[in-house]
Amino acid sequence: MQLCPSVHPQESVRIFSRYAAAAWLLPLDKRELVAALAAMLAACGEAQVPCSPPAVELHLLDDAAIGVANRRCLGCTGPTNVLSFPAGCDAPGTLLFSLDTLRRECLLYGQEPAEHALRLLAHGMAHLCGLDHGEQMDAVSQIFMDAAIQAVA
């Protein structure tokens, strides 16, 4: 089990907005996003993940930008909700998050935007910790989700 190295995990979260409409599409303010991601980092020890990133960078994008990244990095066509780029246990991981896809999925599936955003970020964070889809990832994602909900409550 590896514990997150940061004494103050909120200092280990950086958010970049590459989307002019982020202010009105984002269901959580940036302070809440930092708290949620910091809580997920702090929960790495409890979740017993293979690799705890020391920090995370979140990039808020539109569908066009994440579609380009999806094609360039994964060879997939079109936008997706979240892309994860682990950097290992010694460097920050990067999450790309499409606010357009978030809103569309909330409408399609009847999801509450803030809760769905945290669910997607928890999923992305589990990938940053070295997990792939399956039961262990689902369990870790739930731990991260619970920590994030407590942090923004």
N, C-alpha and C. Protein backbone atom coordinates (compact mmCIF):
# COMPACT_ATOMS: atom_id res chain seq x y z
N MET A 1 0.85 -1.17 0.00
CA MET A 1 0.00 0.00 0.00
C MET A 1 0.89 1.24 0.00
N GLN A 2 0.54 2.17 -0.86
CA GLN A 2 1.33 3.39 -0.99
C GLN A 2 0.47 4.58 -0.59
N LEU A 3 0.97 5.41 0.28
CA LEU A 3 0.22 6.59 0.70
C LEU A 3 0.61 7.78 -0.15
N CYS A 4 -0.33 8.69 -0.33
CA CYS A 4 -0.03 9.90 -1.09
C CYS A 4 1.02 10.71 -0.34
N PRO A 5 2.03 11.20 -1.03
CA PRO A 5 3.14 11.86 -0.35
C PRO A 5 2.85 13.27 0.13
N SER A 6 1.82 13.90 -0.37
CA SER A 6 1.60 15.30 -0.03
C SER A 6 0.98 15.47 1.35
N VAL A 7 1.55 16.34 2.15
CA VAL A 7 0.98 16.67 3.44
C VAL A 7 -0.29 17.48 3.26
N HIS A 8 -0.30 18.36 2.28
CA HIS A 8 -1.46 19.20 1.95
C HIS A 8 -1.89 18.86 0.54
N PRO A 9 -2.76 17.83 0.38
CA PRO A 9 -3.09 17.36 -0.96
C PRO A 9 -3.72 18.41 -1.85
N GLN A 10 -4.39 19.44 -1.28
CA GLN A 10 -4.99 20.47 -2.13
C GLN A 10 -3.92 21.23 -2.92
N GLU A 11 -2.70 21.25 -2.43
CA GLU A 11 -1.61 21.88 -3.16
C GLU A 11 -1.17 21.03 -4.34
N SER A 12 -1.67 19.80 -4.41
CA SER A 12 -1.29 18.87 -5.47
C SER A 12 -2.31 18.81 -6.59
N VAL A 13 -3.23 19.75 -6.64
CA VAL A 13 -4.26 19.77 -7.68
C VAL A 13 -4.16 21.09 -8.43
N ARG A 14 -4.08 20.98 -9.75
CA ARG A 14 -4.08 22.17 -10.60
C ARG A 14 -5.19 22.01 -11.63
N ILE A 15 -5.91 23.09 -11.86
CA ILE A 15 -7.02 23.07 -12.82
C ILE A 15 -6.75 24.10 -13.90
N PHE A 16 -6.92 23.66 -15.15
CA PHE A 16 -6.73 24.52 -16.30
C PHE A 16 -8.03 24.52 -17.10
N SER A 17 -8.50 25.68 -17.46
CA SER A 17 -9.71 25.77 -18.27
C SER A 17 -9.32 26.19 -19.68
N ARG A 18 -9.66 25.35 -20.63
CA ARG A 18 -9.38 25.62 -22.03
C ARG A 18 -10.69 25.86 -22.79
N TYR A 19 -11.72 26.27 -22.04
CA TYR A 19 -13.05 26.37 -22.62
C TYR A 19 -13.73 27.62 -22.08
N ALA A 20 -14.04 28.54 -22.95
CA ALA A 20 -14.63 29.81 -22.51
C ALA A 20 -15.95 29.62 -21.78
N ALA A 21 -16.73 28.59 -22.13
CA ALA A 21 -18.04 28.38 -21.51
C ALA A 21 -17.96 27.58 -20.22
N ALA A 22 -16.75 27.29 -19.74
CA ALA A 22 -16.59 26.47 -18.54
C ALA A 22 -17.32 27.05 -17.34
N ALA A 23 -17.33 28.35 -17.22
CA ALA A 23 -17.94 28.99 -16.05
C ALA A 23 -19.41 28.62 -15.90
N TRP A 24 -20.14 28.51 -16.99
CA TRP A 24 -21.56 28.18 -16.86
C TRP A 24 -21.85 26.70 -17.10
N LEU A 25 -20.93 25.93 -17.66
CA LEU A 25 -21.14 24.50 -17.86
C LEU A 25 -20.68 23.66 -16.67
N LEU A 26 -19.76 24.19 -15.90
CA LEU A 26 -19.18 23.45 -14.79
C LEU A 26 -20.15 23.38 -13.62
N PRO A 27 -20.57 22.17 -13.21
CA PRO A 27 -21.55 22.06 -12.13
C PRO A 27 -20.97 22.29 -10.73
N LEU A 28 -19.65 22.30 -10.62
CA LEU A 28 -18.96 22.56 -9.36
C LEU A 28 -18.02 23.72 -9.60
N ASP A 29 -17.85 24.57 -8.59
CA ASP A 29 -16.88 25.65 -8.80
C ASP A 29 -15.46 25.07 -8.65
N LYS A 30 -14.48 25.85 -9.04
CA LYS A 30 -13.10 25.34 -9.04
C LYS A 30 -12.62 24.98 -7.65
N ARG A 31 -13.08 25.71 -6.64
CA ARG A 31 -12.70 25.38 -5.26
C ARG A 31 -13.22 23.98 -4.90
N GLU A 32 -14.45 23.68 -5.30
CA GLU A 32 -15.02 22.36 -5.03
C GLU A 32 -14.29 21.26 -5.81
N LEU A 33 -13.92 21.56 -7.04
CA LEU A 33 -13.16 20.58 -7.83
C LEU A 33 -11.81 20.28 -7.19
N VAL A 34 -11.14 21.31 -6.72
CA VAL A 34 -9.85 21.11 -6.05
C VAL A 34 -10.05 20.25 -4.80
N ALA A 35 -11.06 20.56 -4.01
CA ALA A 35 -11.33 19.79 -2.79
C ALA A 35 -11.65 18.33 -3.13
N ALA A 36 -12.45 18.12 -4.16
CA ALA A 36 -12.84 16.76 -4.54
C ALA A 36 -11.63 15.95 -5.01
N LEU A 37 -10.82 16.54 -5.88
CA LEU A 37 -9.64 15.82 -6.38
C LEU A 37 -8.60 15.61 -5.28
N ALA A 38 -8.45 16.58 -4.40
CA ALA A 38 -7.53 16.42 -3.27
C ALA A 38 -8.00 15.29 -2.36
N ALA A 39 -9.30 15.19 -2.15
CA ALA A 39 -9.84 14.10 -1.32
C ALA A 39 -9.60 12.75 -1.99
N MET A 40 -9.71 12.71 -3.31
CA MET A 40 -9.42 11.45 -4.01
C MET A 40 -7.95 11.07 -3.86
N LEU A 41 -7.06 12.06 -4.00
CA LEU A 41 -5.63 11.78 -3.79
C LEU A 41 -5.37 11.27 -2.37
N ALA A 42 -6.02 11.90 -1.41
CA ALA A 42 -5.83 11.49 -0.01
C ALA A 42 -6.38 10.09 0.25
N ALA A 43 -7.36 9.66 -0.54
CA ALA A 43 -7.98 8.34 -0.36
C ALA A 43 -7.19 7.22 -1.03
N CYS A 44 -6.09 7.55 -1.68
CA CYS A 44 -5.30 6.53 -2.37
C CYS A 44 -4.82 5.43 -1.42
N GLY A 45 -4.43 5.80 -0.22
CA GLY A 45 -3.97 4.80 0.75
C GLY A 45 -5.07 3.84 1.14
N GLU A 46 -6.24 4.38 1.46
CA GLU A 46 -7.39 3.54 1.80
C GLU A 46 -7.78 2.63 0.64
N ALA A 47 -7.68 3.15 -0.57
CA ALA A 47 -8.09 2.40 -1.76
C ALA A 47 -7.07 1.34 -2.17
N GLN A 48 -5.89 1.39 -1.59
CA GLN A 48 -4.82 0.44 -1.89
C GLN A 48 -4.57 0.31 -3.39
N VAL A 49 -4.30 1.44 -4.02
CA VAL A 49 -4.08 1.47 -5.47
C VAL A 49 -2.64 1.08 -5.79
N PRO A 50 -2.41 0.59 -7.02
CA PRO A 50 -1.05 0.21 -7.40
C PRO A 50 -0.06 1.36 -7.39
N CYS A 51 -0.51 2.56 -7.73
CA CYS A 51 0.38 3.72 -7.81
C CYS A 51 -0.39 4.97 -7.45
N SER A 52 0.06 5.69 -6.46
CA SER A 52 -0.58 6.94 -6.05
C SER A 52 0.13 8.11 -6.70
N PRO A 53 -0.52 8.81 -7.62
CA PRO A 53 0.15 9.97 -8.20
C PRO A 53 0.33 11.05 -7.14
N PRO A 54 1.44 11.77 -7.16
CA PRO A 54 1.65 12.81 -6.16
C PRO A 54 0.78 14.04 -6.40
N ALA A 55 0.26 14.16 -7.63
CA ALA A 55 -0.54 15.33 -7.98
C ALA A 55 -1.38 15.01 -9.20
N VAL A 56 -2.35 15.88 -9.46
CA VAL A 56 -3.20 15.71 -10.63
C VAL A 56 -3.44 17.07 -11.27
N GLU A 57 -3.43 17.07 -12.60
CA GLU A 57 -3.78 18.26 -13.37
C GLU A 57 -5.08 17.95 -14.11
N LEU A 58 -6.06 18.83 -13.96
CA LEU A 58 -7.35 18.67 -14.62
C LEU A 58 -7.49 19.75 -15.68
N HIS A 59 -7.76 19.34 -16.90
CA HIS A 59 -7.96 20.26 -18.00
C HIS A 59 -9.43 20.20 -18.42
N LEU A 60 -10.12 21.33 -18.30
CA LEU A 60 -11.52 21.43 -18.67
C LEU A 60 -11.60 21.82 -20.14
N LEU A 61 -12.23 20.96 -20.95
CA LEU A 61 -12.22 21.12 -22.40
C LEU A 61 -13.62 21.09 -22.98
N ASP A 62 -13.71 21.43 -24.26
CA ASP A 62 -14.94 21.23 -25.01
C ASP A 62 -14.82 19.92 -25.80
N ASP A 63 -15.89 19.53 -26.49
CA ASP A 63 -15.87 18.27 -27.24
C ASP A 63 -14.83 18.28 -28.36
N ALA A 64 -14.64 19.42 -29.01
CA ALA A 64 -13.67 19.48 -30.10
C ALA A 64 -12.27 19.17 -29.60
N ALA A 65 -11.87 19.76 -28.49
CA ALA A 65 -10.51 19.56 -27.97
C ALA A 65 -10.31 18.14 -27.47
N ILE A 66 -11.29 17.59 -26.76
CA ILE A 66 -11.11 16.22 -26.26
C ILE A 66 -11.21 15.21 -27.41
N GLY A 67 -11.97 15.55 -28.45
CA GLY A 67 -12.03 14.69 -29.63
C GLY A 67 -10.68 14.59 -30.32
N VAL A 68 -9.97 15.70 -30.41
CA VAL A 68 -8.63 15.71 -30.99
C VAL A 68 -7.70 14.84 -30.15
N ALA A 69 -7.75 15.00 -28.83
CA ALA A 69 -6.89 14.20 -27.94
C ALA A 69 -7.25 12.72 -28.03
N ASN A 70 -8.53 12.41 -28.11
CA ASN A 70 -8.98 11.03 -28.20
C ASN A 70 -8.45 10.37 -29.48
N ARG A 71 -8.50 11.10 -30.58
CA ARG A 71 -8.00 10.57 -31.85
C ARG A 71 -6.48 10.45 -31.83
N ARG A 72 -5.81 11.49 -31.37
CA ARG A 72 -4.35 11.52 -31.39
C ARG A 72 -3.74 10.48 -30.45
N CYS A 73 -4.31 10.35 -29.26
CA CYS A 73 -3.68 9.50 -28.24
C CYS A 73 -4.21 8.07 -28.21
N LEU A 74 -5.49 7.89 -28.55
CA LEU A 74 -6.08 6.55 -28.45
C LEU A 74 -6.55 6.00 -29.79
N GLY A 75 -6.53 6.83 -30.83
CA GLY A 75 -6.98 6.38 -32.14
C GLY A 75 -8.49 6.23 -32.24
N CYS A 76 -9.22 6.85 -31.31
CA CYS A 76 -10.68 6.76 -31.30
C CYS A 76 -11.26 8.03 -31.92
N THR A 77 -12.37 7.87 -32.63
CA THR A 77 -13.02 9.00 -33.28
C THR A 77 -14.07 9.61 -32.36
N GLY A 78 -14.09 10.92 -32.29
CA GLY A 78 -15.12 11.63 -31.54
C GLY A 78 -14.74 11.93 -30.11
N PRO A 79 -15.60 12.71 -29.46
CA PRO A 79 -15.34 13.10 -28.07
C PRO A 79 -15.66 11.98 -27.09
N THR A 80 -15.13 12.11 -25.91
CA THR A 80 -15.44 11.22 -24.80
C THR A 80 -15.55 12.09 -23.56
N ASN A 81 -15.94 11.50 -22.43
CA ASN A 81 -16.15 12.30 -21.23
C ASN A 81 -14.84 12.64 -20.51
N VAL A 82 -13.99 11.65 -20.27
CA VAL A 82 -12.75 11.89 -19.55
C VAL A 82 -11.64 11.01 -20.12
N LEU A 83 -10.46 11.58 -20.25
CA LEU A 83 -9.27 10.84 -20.65
C LEU A 83 -8.24 10.97 -19.53
N SER A 84 -7.58 9.86 -19.24
CA SER A 84 -6.59 9.83 -18.16
C SER A 84 -5.21 9.53 -18.73
N PHE A 85 -4.23 10.28 -18.25
CA PHE A 85 -2.86 10.09 -18.68
C PHE A 85 -1.98 9.94 -17.44
N PRO A 86 -1.81 8.69 -16.97
CA PRO A 86 -0.96 8.46 -15.80
C PRO A 86 0.49 8.80 -16.12
N ALA A 87 1.17 9.33 -15.13
CA ALA A 87 2.59 9.66 -15.31
C ALA A 87 3.46 8.85 -14.36
N GLY A 88 2.85 7.95 -13.62
CA GLY A 88 3.60 7.15 -12.67
C GLY A 88 3.45 7.68 -11.26
N CYS A 89 4.18 7.08 -10.35
CA CYS A 89 4.08 7.44 -8.94
C CYS A 89 4.91 8.66 -8.57
N ASP A 90 5.73 9.15 -9.50
CA ASP A 90 6.63 10.26 -9.20
C ASP A 90 6.29 11.56 -9.92
N ALA A 91 5.24 11.54 -10.75
CA ALA A 91 4.89 12.73 -11.54
C ALA A 91 3.38 12.88 -11.56
N PRO A 92 2.91 14.10 -11.75
CA PRO A 92 1.45 14.33 -11.78
C PRO A 92 0.79 13.59 -12.93
N GLY A 93 -0.40 13.07 -12.66
CA GLY A 93 -1.23 12.52 -13.71
C GLY A 93 -2.07 13.64 -14.31
N THR A 94 -2.57 13.42 -15.50
CA THR A 94 -3.37 14.43 -16.19
C THR A 94 -4.73 13.86 -16.56
N LEU A 95 -5.77 14.64 -16.26
CA LEU A 95 -7.13 14.31 -16.66
C LEU A 95 -7.62 15.36 -17.65
N LEU A 96 -8.16 14.90 -18.77
CA LEU A 96 -8.84 15.78 -19.71
C LEU A 96 -10.33 15.51 -19.54
N PHE A 97 -11.11 16.56 -19.36
CA PHE A 97 -12.52 16.42 -19.00
C PHE A 97 -13.38 17.29 -19.92
N SER A 98 -14.29 16.67 -20.67
CA SER A 98 -15.15 17.41 -21.58
C SER A 98 -16.43 17.85 -20.88
N LEU A 99 -16.60 19.15 -20.77
CA LEU A 99 -17.82 19.68 -20.17
C LEU A 99 -19.02 19.52 -21.09
N ASP A 100 -18.79 19.53 -22.40
CA ASP A 100 -19.89 19.30 -23.34
C ASP A 100 -20.44 17.88 -23.18
N THR A 101 -19.56 16.90 -23.13
CA THR A 101 -20.00 15.51 -22.99
C THR A 101 -20.65 15.30 -21.63
N LEU A 102 -20.10 15.91 -20.59
CA LEU A 102 -20.73 15.83 -19.26
C LEU A 102 -22.19 16.27 -19.34
N ARG A 103 -22.43 17.44 -19.88
CA ARG A 103 -23.80 17.96 -19.97
C ARG A 103 -24.69 17.07 -20.83
N ARG A 104 -24.17 16.60 -21.95
CA ARG A 104 -24.96 15.73 -22.83
C ARG A 104 -25.33 14.43 -22.11
N GLU A 105 -24.37 13.83 -21.42
CA GLU A 105 -24.65 12.58 -20.70
C GLU A 105 -25.67 12.79 -19.59
N CYS A 106 -25.60 13.92 -18.91
CA CYS A 106 -26.57 14.21 -17.86
C CYS A 106 -27.98 14.27 -18.44
N LEU A 107 -28.12 14.88 -19.59
CA LEU A 107 -29.44 14.94 -20.24
C LEU A 107 -29.88 13.57 -20.74
N LEU A 108 -28.97 12.84 -21.36
CA LEU A 108 -29.31 11.52 -21.91
C LEU A 108 -29.68 10.50 -20.85
N TYR A 109 -28.94 10.51 -19.73
CA TYR A 109 -29.11 9.48 -18.72
C TYR A 109 -29.85 9.95 -17.47
N GLY A 110 -30.27 11.20 -17.45
CA GLY A 110 -31.00 11.73 -16.30
C GLY A 110 -30.13 11.86 -15.06
N GLN A 111 -28.86 12.17 -15.26
CA GLN A 111 -27.91 12.28 -14.15
C GLN A 111 -27.86 13.70 -13.61
N GLU A 112 -27.65 13.85 -12.33
CA GLU A 112 -27.44 15.16 -11.72
C GLU A 112 -26.01 15.58 -12.06
N PRO A 113 -25.80 16.78 -12.63
CA PRO A 113 -24.48 17.16 -13.15
C PRO A 113 -23.32 17.08 -12.16
N ALA A 114 -23.48 17.58 -10.95
CA ALA A 114 -22.36 17.55 -10.00
C ALA A 114 -21.99 16.12 -9.64
N GLU A 115 -22.98 15.30 -9.40
CA GLU A 115 -22.71 13.89 -9.05
C GLU A 115 -22.06 13.15 -10.21
N HIS A 116 -22.56 13.38 -11.42
CA HIS A 116 -21.98 12.70 -12.58
C HIS A 116 -20.55 13.17 -12.82
N ALA A 117 -20.29 14.46 -12.63
CA ALA A 117 -18.93 14.98 -12.78
C ALA A 117 -17.98 14.29 -11.80
N LEU A 118 -18.41 14.16 -10.55
CA LEU A 118 -17.56 13.49 -9.56
C LEU A 118 -17.35 12.02 -9.91
N ARG A 119 -18.38 11.37 -10.42
CA ARG A 119 -18.27 9.96 -10.82
C ARG A 119 -17.24 9.81 -11.94
N LEU A 120 -17.31 10.68 -12.93
CA LEU A 120 -16.36 10.61 -14.04
C LEU A 120 -14.94 10.92 -13.59
N LEU A 121 -14.79 11.90 -12.72
CA LEU A 121 -13.46 12.23 -12.21
C LEU A 121 -12.90 11.10 -11.35
N ALA A 122 -13.75 10.43 -10.56
CA ALA A 122 -13.31 9.29 -9.77
C ALA A 122 -12.83 8.16 -10.68
N HIS A 123 -13.56 7.94 -11.77
CA HIS A 123 -13.17 6.93 -12.75
C HIS A 123 -11.81 7.28 -13.37
N GLY A 124 -11.67 8.54 -13.76
CA GLY A 124 -10.40 8.98 -14.33
C GLY A 124 -9.26 8.87 -13.35
N MET A 125 -9.52 9.21 -12.09
CA MET A 125 -8.49 9.12 -11.06
C MET A 125 -8.06 7.66 -10.85
N ALA A 126 -9.01 6.74 -10.91
CA ALA A 126 -8.65 5.32 -10.77
C ALA A 126 -7.71 4.89 -11.89
N HIS A 127 -7.94 5.39 -13.11
CA HIS A 127 -7.00 5.11 -14.20
C HIS A 127 -5.62 5.71 -13.91
N LEU A 128 -5.59 6.93 -13.34
CA LEU A 128 -4.30 7.54 -13.00
C LEU A 128 -3.53 6.70 -11.98
N CYS A 129 -4.27 5.96 -11.18
CA CYS A 129 -3.65 5.11 -10.15
C CYS A 129 -3.26 3.74 -10.67
N GLY A 130 -3.35 3.56 -11.97
CA GLY A 130 -2.87 2.31 -12.57
C GLY A 130 -3.91 1.22 -12.74
N LEU A 131 -5.18 1.55 -12.60
CA LEU A 131 -6.22 0.53 -12.71
C LEU A 131 -6.88 0.56 -14.08
N ASP A 132 -7.30 -0.62 -14.51
CA ASP A 132 -8.06 -0.74 -15.74
C ASP A 132 -9.47 -1.20 -15.37
N HIS A 133 -10.38 -1.18 -16.32
CA HIS A 133 -11.78 -1.50 -16.05
C HIS A 133 -11.92 -2.89 -15.41
N GLY A 134 -12.80 -2.97 -14.45
CA GLY A 134 -13.06 -4.23 -13.76
C GLY A 134 -13.56 -3.98 -12.35
N GLU A 135 -13.69 -5.04 -11.59
CA GLU A 135 -14.25 -4.94 -10.24
C GLU A 135 -13.39 -4.09 -9.30
N GLN A 136 -12.06 -4.25 -9.37
CA GLN A 136 -11.19 -3.46 -8.50
C GLN A 136 -11.33 -1.97 -8.83
N MET A 137 -11.39 -1.64 -10.11
CA MET A 137 -11.54 -0.24 -10.49
C MET A 137 -12.88 0.31 -10.02
N ASP A 138 -13.93 -0.49 -10.13
CA ASP A 138 -15.24 -0.04 -9.66
C ASP A 138 -15.21 0.25 -8.15
N ALA A 139 -14.55 -0.64 -7.39
CA ALA A 139 -14.47 -0.45 -5.94
C ALA A 139 -13.65 0.79 -5.59
N VAL A 140 -12.52 0.99 -6.26
CA VAL A 140 -11.68 2.16 -6.01
C VAL A 140 -12.40 3.43 -6.42
N SER A 141 -13.09 3.40 -7.56
CA SER A 141 -13.85 4.57 -8.01
C SER A 141 -14.90 4.96 -6.97
N GLN A 142 -15.52 3.97 -6.35
CA GLN A 142 -16.52 4.26 -5.32
C GLN A 142 -15.88 4.90 -4.09
N ILE A 143 -14.71 4.42 -3.69
CA ILE A 143 -13.99 5.03 -2.57
C ILE A 143 -13.67 6.49 -2.91
N PHE A 144 -13.18 6.72 -4.11
CA PHE A 144 -12.87 8.08 -4.54
C PHE A 144 -14.12 8.95 -4.59
N MET A 145 -15.20 8.39 -5.09
CA MET A 145 -16.47 9.13 -5.19
C MET A 145 -16.95 9.53 -3.79
N ASP A 146 -16.92 8.58 -2.86
CA ASP A 146 -17.37 8.86 -1.49
C ASP A 146 -16.50 9.96 -0.86
N ALA A 147 -15.19 9.89 -1.06
CA ALA A 147 -14.29 10.91 -0.51
C ALA A 147 -14.59 12.28 -1.11
N ALA A 148 -14.84 12.31 -2.40
CA ALA A 148 -15.13 13.58 -3.08
C ALA A 148 -16.44 14.18 -2.60
N ILE A 149 -17.46 13.36 -2.44
CA ILE A 149 -18.76 13.85 -1.97
C ILE A 149 -18.63 14.46 -0.58
N GLN A 150 -17.89 13.79 0.29
CA GLN A 150 -17.66 14.35 1.64
C GLN A 150 -16.91 15.67 1.57
N ALA A 151 -15.97 15.78 0.65
CA ALA A 151 -15.16 16.99 0.55
C ALA A 151 -15.94 18.20 0.06
N VAL A 152 -16.95 17.97 -0.76
CA VAL A 152 -17.71 19.11 -1.30
C VAL A 152 -19.03 19.33 -0.58
N ALA A 153 -19.33 18.48 0.39
CA ALA A 153 -20.60 18.62 1.13
C ALA A 153 -20.58 19.82 2.05
